């Protein structure tokens, strides 16, 4: 009888532990799904910094490696092309920016040597601290080159929960990204965390 009670108690204890582990993982997964749903519904917030630079803010998504492989196959290929194993990745971020350059350009006469023959042409050039455009206009054709330089700055920060205006814990992880070039405008950004738990190989 004692043996029976011992094995029954042991089986019950194992069942409780297994159920506890399953419930813990379900609660954790549910919290992750809620967080991702909130991040997707919130979308990207675009704003200007105090110095007038384009900036964007986005809440982090949390994806398991298996989900990332399934949903972001193109990004997985790009990561692999860098010689990086996806299972070693901590997070993935992507930002898209467009640079607009507008200026009044003065055109001046010049001479271009083509096949040892001098051809009348017109030359133009304009630049600022971030962009430069230079070109030559001769006949009905225009040759030009545009070069722009920019630096994207990024900071990942924790957004705390608040109770009676007292911050505690973590409500979300956000990415803030901004440009250096005032001619550049951010049009898209995303930040994905790749949690280490239950990582797929």
C-alpha atoms as a PDB file:
ATOM      1  CA  UNK A   1       0.000   0.000   0.000  1.00  0.00           C
ATOM      2  CA  UNK A   2       2.808   2.380   0.863  1.00  0.00           C
ATOM      3  CA  UNK A   3       4.519   1.556  -2.416  1.00  0.00           C
ATOM      4  CA  UNK A   4       1.340   2.337  -4.304  1.00  0.00           C
ATOM      5  CA  UNK A   5       0.924   5.654  -2.494  1.00  0.00           C
ATOM      6  CA  UNK A   6       4.565   6.549  -3.152  1.00  0.00           C
ATOM      7  CA  UNK A   7       4.292   5.916  -6.895  1.00  0.00           C
ATOM      8  CA  UNK A   8       0.949   7.686  -7.054  1.00  0.00           C
ATOM      9  CA  UNK A   9       2.404  10.720  -5.269  1.00  0.00           C
ATOM     10  CA  UNK A  10       5.463  10.671  -7.550  1.00  0.00           C
ATOM     11  CA  UNK A  11       3.287  10.488 -10.679  1.00  0.00           C
ATOM     12  CA  UNK A  12       1.137  13.337  -9.374  1.00  0.00           C
ATOM     13  CA  UNK A  13       4.242  15.449  -8.648  1.00  0.00           C
ATOM     14  CA  UNK A  14       5.654  14.813 -12.122  1.00  0.00           C
ATOM     15  CA  UNK A  15       2.284  15.703 -13.648  1.00  0.00           C
ATOM     16  CA  UNK A  16       2.165  18.960 -11.681  1.00  0.00           C
ATOM     17  CA  UNK A  17       5.730  19.887 -12.751  1.00  0.00           C
ATOM     18  CA  UNK A  18       4.993  19.084 -16.415  1.00  0.00           C
ATOM     19  CA  UNK A  19       1.749  21.070 -16.312  1.00  0.00           C
ATOM     20  CA  UNK A  20       3.574  23.972 -14.659  1.00  0.00           C
ATOM     21  CA  UNK A  21       6.244  24.024 -17.371  1.00  0.00           C
ATOM     22  CA  UNK A  22       3.601  23.846 -20.149  1.00  0.00           C
ATOM     23  CA  UNK A  23       1.555  26.644 -18.540  1.00  0.00           C
ATOM     24  CA  UNK A  24       4.693  28.789 -18.121  1.00  0.00           C
ATOM     25  CA  UNK A  25       5.595  28.409 -21.808  1.00  0.00           C
ATOM     26  CA  UNK A  26       2.006  29.105 -22.896  1.00  0.00           C
ATOM     27  CA  UNK A  27       1.851  32.264 -20.766  1.00  0.00           C
ATOM     28  CA  UNK A  28       5.228  33.389 -22.142  1.00  0.00           C
ATOM     29  CA  UNK A  29       4.168  32.711 -25.729  1.00  0.00           C
ATOM     30  CA  UNK A  30       0.865  34.493 -25.188  1.00  0.00           C
ATOM     31  CA  UNK A  31       2.683  37.551 -23.800  1.00  0.00           C
ATOM     32  CA  UNK A  32       5.005  37.540 -26.829  1.00  0.00           C
ATOM     33  CA  UNK A  33       2.029  37.321 -29.225  1.00  0.00           C
ATOM     34  CA  UNK A  34       0.284  40.213 -27.444  1.00  0.00           C
ATOM     35  CA  UNK A  35       3.480  42.274 -27.615  1.00  0.00           C
ATOM     36  CA  UNK A  36       3.899  41.567 -31.344  1.00  0.00           C
ATOM     37  CA  UNK A  37       0.246  42.371 -32.033  1.00  0.00           C
ATOM     38  CA  UNK A  38       0.613  45.706 -30.214  1.00  0.00           C
ATOM     39  CA  UNK A  39       3.823  46.503 -32.137  1.00  0.00           C
ATOM     40  CA  UNK A  40       2.213  45.709 -35.503  1.00  0.00           C
ATOM     41  CA  UNK A  41      -0.916  47.729 -34.738  1.00  0.00           C
ATOM     42  CA  UNK A  42       1.126  50.689 -33.527  1.00  0.00           C
ATOM     43  CA  UNK A  43       3.313  50.785 -36.656  1.00  0.00           C
ATOM     44  CA  UNK A  44       6.159  53.219 -37.251  1.00  0.00           C
ATOM     45  CA  UNK A  45       6.116  56.731 -35.773  1.00  0.00           C
ATOM     46  CA  UNK A  46       7.919  59.369 -37.857  1.00  0.00           C
ATOM     47  CA  UNK A  47       9.066  62.658 -36.342  1.00  0.00           C
ATOM     48  CA  UNK A  48      11.766  65.336 -36.498  1.00  0.00           C
ATOM     49  CA  UNK A  49      14.565  65.752 -33.976  1.00  0.00           C
ATOM     50  CA  UNK A  50      15.203  69.113 -32.310  1.00  0.00           C
ATOM     51  CA  UNK A  51      17.837  69.784 -34.994  1.00  0.00           C
ATOM     52  CA  UNK A  52      15.327  69.048 -37.784  1.00  0.00           C
ATOM     53  CA  UNK A  53      16.653  65.612 -38.757  1.00  0.00           C
ATOM     54  CA  UNK A  54      14.271  62.879 -39.898  1.00  0.00           C
ATOM     55  CA  UNK A  55      13.671  60.214 -37.225  1.00  0.00           C
ATOM     56  CA  UNK A  56      11.503  57.146 -36.736  1.00  0.00           C
ATOM     57  CA  UNK A  57      10.451  55.074 -33.748  1.00  0.00           C
ATOM     58  CA  UNK A  58       9.204  51.477 -33.819  1.00  0.00           C
ATOM     59  CA  UNK A  59       8.416  48.855 -31.185  1.00  0.00           C
ATOM     60  CA  UNK A  60      10.423  45.643 -31.355  1.00  0.00           C
ATOM     61  CA  UNK A  61       8.924  42.436 -32.730  1.00  0.00           C
ATOM     62  CA  UNK A  62       9.932  39.137 -31.154  1.00  0.00           C
ATOM     63  CA  UNK A  63      10.324  36.212 -33.553  1.00  0.00           C
ATOM     64  CA  UNK A  64      11.686  32.736 -32.980  1.00  0.00           C
ATOM     65  CA  UNK A  65      14.342  31.758 -35.502  1.00  0.00           C
ATOM     66  CA  UNK A  66      11.984  29.259 -37.149  1.00  0.00           C
ATOM     67  CA  UNK A  67       9.368  32.010 -37.638  1.00  0.00           C
ATOM     68  CA  UNK A  68      12.016  34.444 -38.888  1.00  0.00           C
ATOM     69  CA  UNK A  69      13.226  31.870 -41.441  1.00  0.00           C
ATOM     70  CA  UNK A  70       9.671  31.257 -42.618  1.00  0.00           C
ATOM     71  CA  UNK A  71       8.475  34.858 -42.803  1.00  0.00           C
ATOM     72  CA  UNK A  72      11.704  36.666 -43.776  1.00  0.00           C
ATOM     73  CA  UNK A  73      13.419  34.294 -46.212  1.00  0.00           C
ATOM     74  CA  UNK A  74      14.899  37.180 -48.205  1.00  0.00           C
ATOM     75  CA  UNK A  75      16.469  38.713 -45.101  1.00  0.00           C
ATOM     76  CA  UNK A  76      17.768  35.274 -44.086  1.00  0.00           C
ATOM     77  CA  UNK A  77      19.521  35.011 -47.468  1.00  0.00           C
ATOM     78  CA  UNK A  78      21.109  38.443 -47.025  1.00  0.00           C
ATOM     79  CA  UNK A  79      22.354  37.541 -43.543  1.00  0.00           C
ATOM     80  CA  UNK A  80      23.800  34.293 -44.908  1.00  0.00           C
ATOM     81  CA  UNK A  81      25.528  36.213 -47.713  1.00  0.00           C
ATOM     82  CA  UNK A  82      27.508  38.054 -45.011  1.00  0.00           C
ATOM     83  CA  UNK A  83      28.811  34.736 -43.711  1.00  0.00           C
ATOM     84  CA  UNK A  84      26.755  35.010 -40.504  1.00  0.00           C
ATOM     85  CA  UNK A  85      24.914  32.007 -39.092  1.00  0.00           C
ATOM     86  CA  UNK A  86      21.365  32.961 -38.238  1.00  0.00           C
ATOM     87  CA  UNK A  87      21.430  31.050 -34.947  1.00  0.00           C
ATOM     88  CA  UNK A  88      24.156  33.465 -33.774  1.00  0.00           C
ATOM     89  CA  UNK A  89      22.092  36.557 -34.530  1.00  0.00           C
ATOM     90  CA  UNK A  90      20.739  38.557 -31.578  1.00  0.00           C
ATOM     91  CA  UNK A  91      18.478  40.931 -33.487  1.00  0.00           C
ATOM     92  CA  UNK A  92      17.769  42.281 -36.956  1.00  0.00           C
ATOM     93  CA  UNK A  93      17.014  45.855 -37.958  1.00  0.00           C
ATOM     94  CA  UNK A  94      16.252  47.469 -41.289  1.00  0.00           C
ATOM     95  CA  UNK A  95      15.638  51.110 -42.202  1.00  0.00           C
ATOM     96  CA  UNK A  96      14.807  52.691 -45.544  1.00  0.00           C
ATOM     97  CA  UNK A  97      15.573  56.326 -46.310  1.00  0.00           C
ATOM     98  CA  UNK A  98      15.180  58.532 -49.377  1.00  0.00           C
ATOM     99  CA  UNK A  99      17.451  61.499 -50.092  1.00  0.00           C
ATOM    100  CA  UNK A 100      16.113  64.486 -52.002  1.00  0.00           C
ATOM    101  CA  UNK A 101      18.591  66.993 -53.377  1.00  0.00           C
ATOM    102  CA  UNK A 102      17.368  70.241 -54.931  1.00  0.00           C
ATOM    103  CA  UNK A 103      19.463  73.278 -55.797  1.00  0.00           C
ATOM    104  CA  UNK A 104      19.950  75.984 -58.389  1.00  0.00           C
ATOM    105  CA  UNK A 105      22.839  74.968 -60.627  1.00  0.00           C
ATOM    106  CA  UNK A 106      24.917  77.420 -62.635  1.00  0.00           C
ATOM    107  CA  UNK A 107      25.888  76.078 -66.080  1.00  0.00           C
ATOM    108  CA  UNK A 108      29.155  77.311 -67.628  1.00  0.00           C
ATOM    109  CA  UNK A 109      30.789  76.800 -70.995  1.00  0.00           C
ATOM    110  CA  UNK A 110      33.633  74.304 -71.314  1.00  0.00           C
ATOM    111  CA  UNK A 111      35.409  72.174 -73.902  1.00  0.00           C
ATOM    112  CA  UNK A 112      35.421  68.356 -74.036  1.00  0.00           C
ATOM    113  CA  UNK A 113      38.002  66.446 -76.105  1.00  0.00           C
ATOM    114  CA  UNK A 114      36.352  63.579 -78.013  1.00  0.00           C
ATOM    115  CA  UNK A 115      38.491  61.484 -80.334  1.00  0.00           C
ATOM    116  CA  UNK A 116      41.081  64.312 -80.388  1.00  0.00           C
ATOM    117  CA  UNK A 117      38.314  66.748 -81.453  1.00  0.00           C
ATOM    118  CA  UNK A 118      37.298  69.620 -79.178  1.00  0.00           C
ATOM    119  CA  UNK A 119      33.530  69.718 -78.582  1.00  0.00           C
ATOM    120  CA  UNK A 120      31.765  72.678 -76.981  1.00  0.00           C
ATOM    121  CA  UNK A 121      29.944  71.669 -73.817  1.00  0.00           C
ATOM    122  CA  UNK A 122      28.477  73.088 -70.643  1.00  0.00           C
ATOM    123  CA  UNK A 123      29.553  72.061 -67.176  1.00  0.00           C
ATOM    124  CA  UNK A 124      27.601  72.247 -63.907  1.00  0.00           C
ATOM    125  CA  UNK A 125      28.328  71.394 -60.283  1.00  0.00           C
ATOM    126  CA  UNK A 126      26.576  71.895 -56.949  1.00  0.00           C
ATOM    127  CA  UNK A 127      27.241  70.542 -53.484  1.00  0.00           C
ATOM    128  CA  UNK A 128      26.670  70.947 -49.776  1.00  0.00           C
ATOM    129  CA  UNK A 129      28.050  69.145 -46.725  1.00  0.00           C
ATOM    130  CA  UNK A 130      26.146  65.940 -47.563  1.00  0.00           C
ATOM    131  CA  UNK A 131      25.473  65.848 -51.316  1.00  0.00           C
ATOM    132  CA  UNK A 132      27.304  66.624 -54.538  1.00  0.00           C
ATOM    133  CA  UNK A 133      26.102  66.647 -58.146  1.00  0.00           C
ATOM    134  CA  UNK A 134      28.381  67.258 -61.117  1.00  0.00           C
ATOM    135  CA  UNK A 135      27.799  66.882 -64.849  1.00  0.00           C
ATOM    136  CA  UNK A 136      28.419  67.935 -68.421  1.00  0.00           C
ATOM    137  CA  UNK A 137      25.817  68.935 -70.998  1.00  0.00           C
ATOM    138  CA  UNK A 138      26.784  68.701 -74.642  1.00  0.00           C
ATOM    139  CA  UNK A 139      24.468  68.544 -77.625  1.00  0.00           C
ATOM    140  CA  UNK A 140      21.314  66.736 -76.611  1.00  0.00           C
ATOM    141  CA  UNK A 141      22.917  64.548 -73.952  1.00  0.00           C
ATOM    142  CA  UNK A 142      23.603  65.030 -70.273  1.00  0.00           C
ATOM    143  CA  UNK A 143      26.166  63.147 -68.212  1.00  0.00           C
ATOM    144  CA  UNK A 144      25.987  63.587 -64.471  1.00  0.00           C
ATOM    145  CA  UNK A 145      26.868  61.948 -61.163  1.00  0.00           C
ATOM    146  CA  UNK A 146      25.192  62.393 -57.788  1.00  0.00           C
ATOM    147  CA  UNK A 147      26.808  61.411 -54.485  1.00  0.00           C
ATOM    148  CA  UNK A 148      25.138  61.646 -51.089  1.00  0.00           C
ATOM    149  CA  UNK A 149      26.541  60.806 -47.663  1.00  0.00           C
ATOM    150  CA  UNK A 150      24.460  59.994 -44.611  1.00  0.00           C
ATOM    151  CA  UNK A 151      24.804  58.301 -41.245  1.00  0.00           C
ATOM    152  CA  UNK A 152      21.905  56.426 -39.687  1.00  0.00           C
ATOM    153  CA  UNK A 153      22.038  56.529 -35.887  1.00  0.00           C
ATOM    154  CA  UNK A 154      20.223  53.890 -33.862  1.00  0.00           C
ATOM    155  CA  UNK A 155      19.410  53.388 -30.210  1.00  0.00           C
ATOM    156  CA  UNK A 156      17.463  50.505 -28.653  1.00  0.00           C
ATOM    157  CA  UNK A 157      15.764  51.401 -25.381  1.00  0.00           C
ATOM    158  CA  UNK A 158      13.385  49.957 -22.806  1.00  0.00           C
ATOM    159  CA  UNK A 159       9.948  51.492 -22.277  1.00  0.00           C
ATOM    160  CA  UNK A 160       8.907  50.902 -18.639  1.00  0.00           C
ATOM    161  CA  UNK A 161       5.405  50.174 -17.419  1.00  0.00           C
ATOM    162  CA  UNK A 162       3.885  52.758 -15.090  1.00  0.00           C
ATOM    163  CA  UNK A 163       1.759  52.437 -11.976  1.00  0.00           C
ATOM    164  CA  UNK A 164       0.653  55.721 -10.410  1.00  0.00           C
ATOM    165  CA  UNK A 165       3.374  57.438 -12.493  1.00  0.00           C
ATOM    166  CA  UNK A 166       6.017  55.113 -11.009  1.00  0.00           C
ATOM    167  CA  UNK A 167       8.031  53.307 -13.718  1.00  0.00           C
ATOM    168  CA  UNK A 168       8.673  49.588 -13.258  1.00  0.00           C
ATOM    169  CA  UNK A 169       9.477  46.524 -15.352  1.00  0.00           C
ATOM    170  CA  UNK A 170       9.430  46.580 -19.156  1.00  0.00           C
ATOM    171  CA  UNK A 171       6.394  47.399 -21.274  1.00  0.00           C
ATOM    172  CA  UNK A 172       8.192  47.259 -24.632  1.00  0.00           C
ATOM    173  CA  UNK A 173      11.529  47.515 -26.391  1.00  0.00           C
ATOM    174  CA  UNK A 174      11.757  50.338 -28.939  1.00  0.00           C
ATOM    175  CA  UNK A 175      14.189  51.315 -31.655  1.00  0.00           C
ATOM    176  CA  UNK A 176      14.861  54.973 -32.402  1.00  0.00           C
ATOM    177  CA  UNK A 177      16.687  55.680 -35.645  1.00  0.00           C
ATOM    178  CA  UNK A 178      17.581  59.070 -37.116  1.00  0.00           C
ATOM    179  CA  UNK A 179      19.599  60.552 -39.957  1.00  0.00           C
ATOM    180  CA  UNK A 180      22.489  63.005 -40.123  1.00  0.00           C
ATOM    181  CA  UNK A 181      21.695  64.342 -43.594  1.00  0.00           C
ATOM    182  CA  UNK A 182      18.867  66.935 -43.462  1.00  0.00           C
ATOM    183  CA  UNK A 183      18.030  66.056 -47.086  1.00  0.00           C
ATOM    184  CA  UNK A 184      17.262  62.460 -46.080  1.00  0.00           C
ATOM    185  CA  UNK A 185      13.803  61.309 -45.007  1.00  0.00           C
ATOM    186  CA  UNK A 186      13.180  57.976 -43.291  1.00  0.00           C
ATOM    187  CA  UNK A 187      10.293  56.112 -44.918  1.00  0.00           C
ATOM    188  CA  UNK A 188      10.447  52.738 -43.128  1.00  0.00           C
ATOM    189  CA  UNK A 189      12.114  51.016 -40.206  1.00  0.00           C
ATOM    190  CA  UNK A 190      11.745  47.758 -38.276  1.00  0.00           C
ATOM    191  CA  UNK A 191      13.468  46.028 -35.390  1.00  0.00           C
ATOM    192  CA  UNK A 192      13.207  42.300 -34.673  1.00  0.00           C
ATOM    193  CA  UNK A 193      14.548  40.569 -31.590  1.00  0.00           C
ATOM    194  CA  UNK A 194      15.567  36.934 -31.930  1.00  0.00           C
ATOM    195  CA  UNK A 195      15.177  35.455 -28.424  1.00  0.00           C
ATOM    196  CA  UNK A 196      17.696  32.825 -27.401  1.00  0.00           C
ATOM    197  CA  UNK A 197      15.109  30.551 -25.825  1.00  0.00           C
ATOM    198  CA  UNK A 198      13.885  27.620 -27.932  1.00  0.00           C
ATOM    199  CA  UNK A 199      16.185  28.574 -30.790  1.00  0.00           C
ATOM    200  CA  UNK A 200      15.927  26.475 -33.938  1.00  0.00           C
ATOM    201  CA  UNK A 201      19.160  25.247 -35.489  1.00  0.00           C
END
